[in-house]
Amino acid sequence: MEEEEEKSFTQRIYEQVEQYVKTTVELYKLKTIHTFSDLFAAIATGFIIWVIVFLTLIFASLGAAFYLGEVLGKWHYGFFIVAGFYVLVGLIIYMLRIKCLKERINNFIIKQIFED
């Protein structure tokens, strides 16, 4: 009789441990899915914002180029000035890329992953 009770007790413990492991694995799967869905949502939102900023910048650049061209008397002068401005901005961003961009992107991704 005692042997049967011990088997039953051992069997119950085994089943509880098995259920605990399954629950823990499921919890980690759900946490991983939640983390990646938050990361994807943040990236998708950021992408949409950048597209809007990009389109705004394009139209503002065209307007500035046409305006400067009209002021200077030739359309292509305005476009050269706007292009020169973007070359200057591009060079500044290129020189500061590691400090400004890489660190911010890394921090953003780490923050999204370890938000919990």
C-alpha atoms as a PDB file:
ATOM      1  CA  MET A   1       0.000   0.000   0.000  1.00  0.00           C
ATOM      2  CA  GLU A   2       2.767   2.381   0.915  1.00  0.00           C
ATOM      3  CA  GLU A   3       4.488   1.650  -2.372  1.00  0.00           C
ATOM      4  CA  GLU A   4       1.334   2.588  -4.293  1.00  0.00           C
ATOM      5  CA  GLU A   5       1.013   5.852  -2.376  1.00  0.00           C
ATOM      6  CA  GLU A   6       4.658   6.646  -3.106  1.00  0.00           C
ATOM      7  CA  LYS A   7       4.123   5.957  -6.809  1.00  0.00           C
ATOM      8  CA  SER A   8       1.015   8.080  -6.797  1.00  0.00           C
ATOM      9  CA  PHE A   9       2.837  10.881  -4.986  1.00  0.00           C
ATOM     10  CA  THR A  10       5.796  10.617  -7.363  1.00  0.00           C
ATOM     11  CA  GLN A  11       3.425  10.555 -10.323  1.00  0.00           C
ATOM     12  CA  ARG A  12       1.650  13.702  -9.093  1.00  0.00           C
ATOM     13  CA  ILE A  13       4.950  15.507  -8.541  1.00  0.00           C
ATOM     14  CA  TYR A  14       6.105  14.492 -12.019  1.00  0.00           C
ATOM     15  CA  GLU A  15       2.856  15.763 -13.572  1.00  0.00           C
ATOM     16  CA  GLN A  16       3.100  19.048 -11.670  1.00  0.00           C
ATOM     17  CA  VAL A  17       6.701  19.570 -12.750  1.00  0.00           C
ATOM     18  CA  GLU A  18       5.765  18.739 -16.331  1.00  0.00           C
ATOM     19  CA  GLN A  19       2.876  21.221 -16.222  1.00  0.00           C
ATOM     20  CA  TYR A  20       5.157  23.864 -14.668  1.00  0.00           C
ATOM     21  CA  VAL A  21       7.717  23.432 -17.458  1.00  0.00           C
ATOM     22  CA  LYS A  22       5.021  23.661 -20.141  1.00  0.00           C
ATOM     23  CA  THR A  23       3.563  26.779 -18.542  1.00  0.00           C
ATOM     24  CA  THR A  24       6.993  28.392 -18.228  1.00  0.00           C
ATOM     25  CA  VAL A  25       7.824  27.675 -21.870  1.00  0.00           C
ATOM     26  CA  GLU A  26       4.460  29.091 -22.946  1.00  0.00           C
ATOM     27  CA  LEU A  27       5.043  32.204 -20.825  1.00  0.00           C
ATOM     28  CA  TYR A  28       8.427  32.820 -22.444  1.00  0.00           C
ATOM     29  CA  LYS A  29       6.927  32.309 -25.905  1.00  0.00           C
ATOM     30  CA  LEU A  30       4.221  34.860 -25.154  1.00  0.00           C
ATOM     31  CA  LYS A  31       6.751  37.336 -23.725  1.00  0.00           C
ATOM     32  CA  THR A  32       8.904  36.944 -26.839  1.00  0.00           C
ATOM     33  CA  ILE A  33       5.921  37.478 -29.122  1.00  0.00           C
ATOM     34  CA  HIS A  34       4.911  40.546 -27.118  1.00  0.00           C
ATOM     35  CA  THR A  35       8.425  41.993 -27.297  1.00  0.00           C
ATOM     36  CA  PHE A  36       8.719  41.468 -31.042  1.00  0.00           C
ATOM     37  CA  SER A  37       5.242  42.826 -31.701  1.00  0.00           C
ATOM     38  CA  ASP A  38       6.103  45.974 -29.716  1.00  0.00           C
ATOM     39  CA  LEU A  39       9.361  46.303 -31.639  1.00  0.00           C
ATOM     40  CA  PHE A  40       7.609  45.819 -34.988  1.00  0.00           C
ATOM     41  CA  ALA A  41       4.901  48.331 -34.067  1.00  0.00           C
ATOM     42  CA  ALA A  42       7.506  50.905 -33.070  1.00  0.00           C
ATOM     43  CA  ILE A  43       9.470  50.341 -36.286  1.00  0.00           C
ATOM     44  CA  ALA A  44       6.319  50.511 -38.433  1.00  0.00           C
ATOM     45  CA  THR A  45       5.192  53.713 -36.718  1.00  0.00           C
ATOM     46  CA  GLY A  46       8.644  55.211 -37.125  1.00  0.00           C
ATOM     47  CA  PHE A  47       8.645  54.247 -40.798  1.00  0.00           C
ATOM     48  CA  ILE A  48       5.306  55.957 -41.385  1.00  0.00           C
ATOM     49  CA  ILE A  49       6.514  59.093 -39.622  1.00  0.00           C
ATOM     50  CA  TRP A  50       9.717  59.119 -41.697  1.00  0.00           C
ATOM     51  CA  VAL A  51       7.736  58.752 -44.928  1.00  0.00           C
ATOM     52  CA  ILE A  52       5.597  61.742 -43.965  1.00  0.00           C
ATOM     53  CA  VAL A  53       8.690  63.757 -43.012  1.00  0.00           C
ATOM     54  CA  PHE A  54      10.380  62.732 -46.268  1.00  0.00           C
ATOM     55  CA  LEU A  55       7.423  63.803 -48.402  1.00  0.00           C
ATOM     56  CA  THR A  56       7.164  67.091 -46.518  1.00  0.00           C
ATOM     57  CA  LEU A  57      10.869  67.673 -47.025  1.00  0.00           C
ATOM     58  CA  ILE A  58      10.596  66.925 -50.754  1.00  0.00           C
ATOM     59  CA  PHE A  59       7.773  69.396 -51.289  1.00  0.00           C
ATOM     60  CA  ALA A  60       9.418  72.052 -49.113  1.00  0.00           C
ATOM     61  CA  SER A  61      12.664  71.576 -51.061  1.00  0.00           C
ATOM     62  CA  LEU A  62      10.890  71.939 -54.383  1.00  0.00           C
ATOM     63  CA  GLY A  63       9.132  75.064 -53.164  1.00  0.00           C
ATOM     64  CA  ALA A  64      12.393  76.559 -51.884  1.00  0.00           C
ATOM     65  CA  ALA A  65      14.209  75.694 -55.118  1.00  0.00           C
ATOM     66  CA  PHE A  66      11.520  77.282 -57.280  1.00  0.00           C
ATOM     67  CA  TYR A  67      11.381  80.345 -55.048  1.00  0.00           C
ATOM     68  CA  LEU A  68      15.179  80.807 -55.025  1.00  0.00           C
ATOM     69  CA  GLY A  69      15.252  80.248 -58.768  1.00  0.00           C
ATOM     70  CA  GLU A  70      12.656  82.946 -59.278  1.00  0.00           C
ATOM     71  CA  VAL A  71      14.504  85.358 -56.978  1.00  0.00           C
ATOM     72  CA  LEU A  72      17.843  84.682 -58.679  1.00  0.00           C
ATOM     73  CA  GLY A  73      16.395  84.841 -62.175  1.00  0.00           C
ATOM     74  CA  LYS A  74      17.137  81.266 -63.305  1.00  0.00           C
ATOM     75  CA  TRP A  75      15.335  78.145 -62.100  1.00  0.00           C
ATOM     76  CA  HIS A  76      18.426  75.948 -61.985  1.00  0.00           C
ATOM     77  CA  TYR A  77      20.193  78.292 -59.530  1.00  0.00           C
ATOM     78  CA  GLY A  78      17.551  77.554 -56.914  1.00  0.00           C
ATOM     79  CA  PHE A  79      17.923  73.809 -57.416  1.00  0.00           C
ATOM     80  CA  PHE A  80      21.726  74.038 -57.170  1.00  0.00           C
ATOM     81  CA  ILE A  81      21.466  75.974 -53.906  1.00  0.00           C
ATOM     82  CA  VAL A  82      19.020  73.459 -52.398  1.00  0.00           C
ATOM     83  CA  ALA A  83      21.192  70.554 -53.595  1.00  0.00           C
ATOM     84  CA  GLY A  84      24.274  72.200 -52.062  1.00  0.00           C
ATOM     85  CA  PHE A  85      22.404  72.569 -48.784  1.00  0.00           C
ATOM     86  CA  TYR A  86      21.590  68.835 -48.802  1.00  0.00           C
ATOM     87  CA  VAL A  87      25.195  67.940 -49.621  1.00  0.00           C
ATOM     88  CA  LEU A  88      26.310  69.996 -46.625  1.00  0.00           C
ATOM     89  CA  VAL A  89      23.713  68.373 -44.343  1.00  0.00           C
ATOM     90  CA  GLY A  90      24.677  64.934 -45.695  1.00  0.00           C
ATOM     91  CA  LEU A  91      28.348  65.513 -44.926  1.00  0.00           C
ATOM     92  CA  ILE A  92      27.550  66.630 -41.388  1.00  0.00           C
ATOM     93  CA  ILE A  93      25.359  63.569 -40.826  1.00  0.00           C
ATOM     94  CA  TYR A  94      28.063  61.325 -42.309  1.00  0.00           C
ATOM     95  CA  MET A  95      30.663  62.718 -39.917  1.00  0.00           C
ATOM     96  CA  LEU A  96      28.368  62.362 -36.889  1.00  0.00           C
ATOM     97  CA  ARG A  97      26.727  59.094 -37.944  1.00  0.00           C
ATOM     98  CA  ILE A  98      28.217  56.860 -35.269  1.00  0.00           C
ATOM     99  CA  LYS A  99      27.576  59.230 -32.395  1.00  0.00           C
ATOM    100  CA  CYS A 100      24.139  60.429 -33.443  1.00  0.00           C
ATOM    101  CA  LEU A 101      22.510  57.679 -35.440  1.00  0.00           C
ATOM    102  CA  LYS A 102      24.055  54.375 -34.432  1.00  0.00           C
ATOM    103  CA  GLU A 103      23.785  54.956 -30.690  1.00  0.00           C
ATOM    104  CA  ARG A 104      20.202  56.202 -30.944  1.00  0.00           C
ATOM    105  CA  ILE A 105      19.104  53.259 -33.063  1.00  0.00           C
ATOM    106  CA  ASN A 106      20.820  50.779 -30.747  1.00  0.00           C
ATOM    107  CA  ASN A 107      19.314  52.406 -27.662  1.00  0.00           C
ATOM    108  CA  PHE A 108      15.876  52.421 -29.267  1.00  0.00           C
ATOM    109  CA  ILE A 109      16.019  48.699 -30.078  1.00  0.00           C
ATOM    110  CA  ILE A 110      17.384  47.774 -26.641  1.00  0.00           C
ATOM    111  CA  LYS A 111      14.718  49.897 -24.943  1.00  0.00           C
ATOM    112  CA  GLN A 112      11.980  48.186 -26.967  1.00  0.00           C
ATOM    113  CA  ILE A 113      13.270  44.698 -26.180  1.00  0.00           C
ATOM    114  CA  PHE A 114      13.815  45.220 -22.448  1.00  0.00           C
ATOM    115  CA  GLU A 115      10.819  47.448 -21.799  1.00  0.00           C
ATOM    116  CA  ASP A 116       9.214  44.949 -19.399  1.00  0.00           C
END
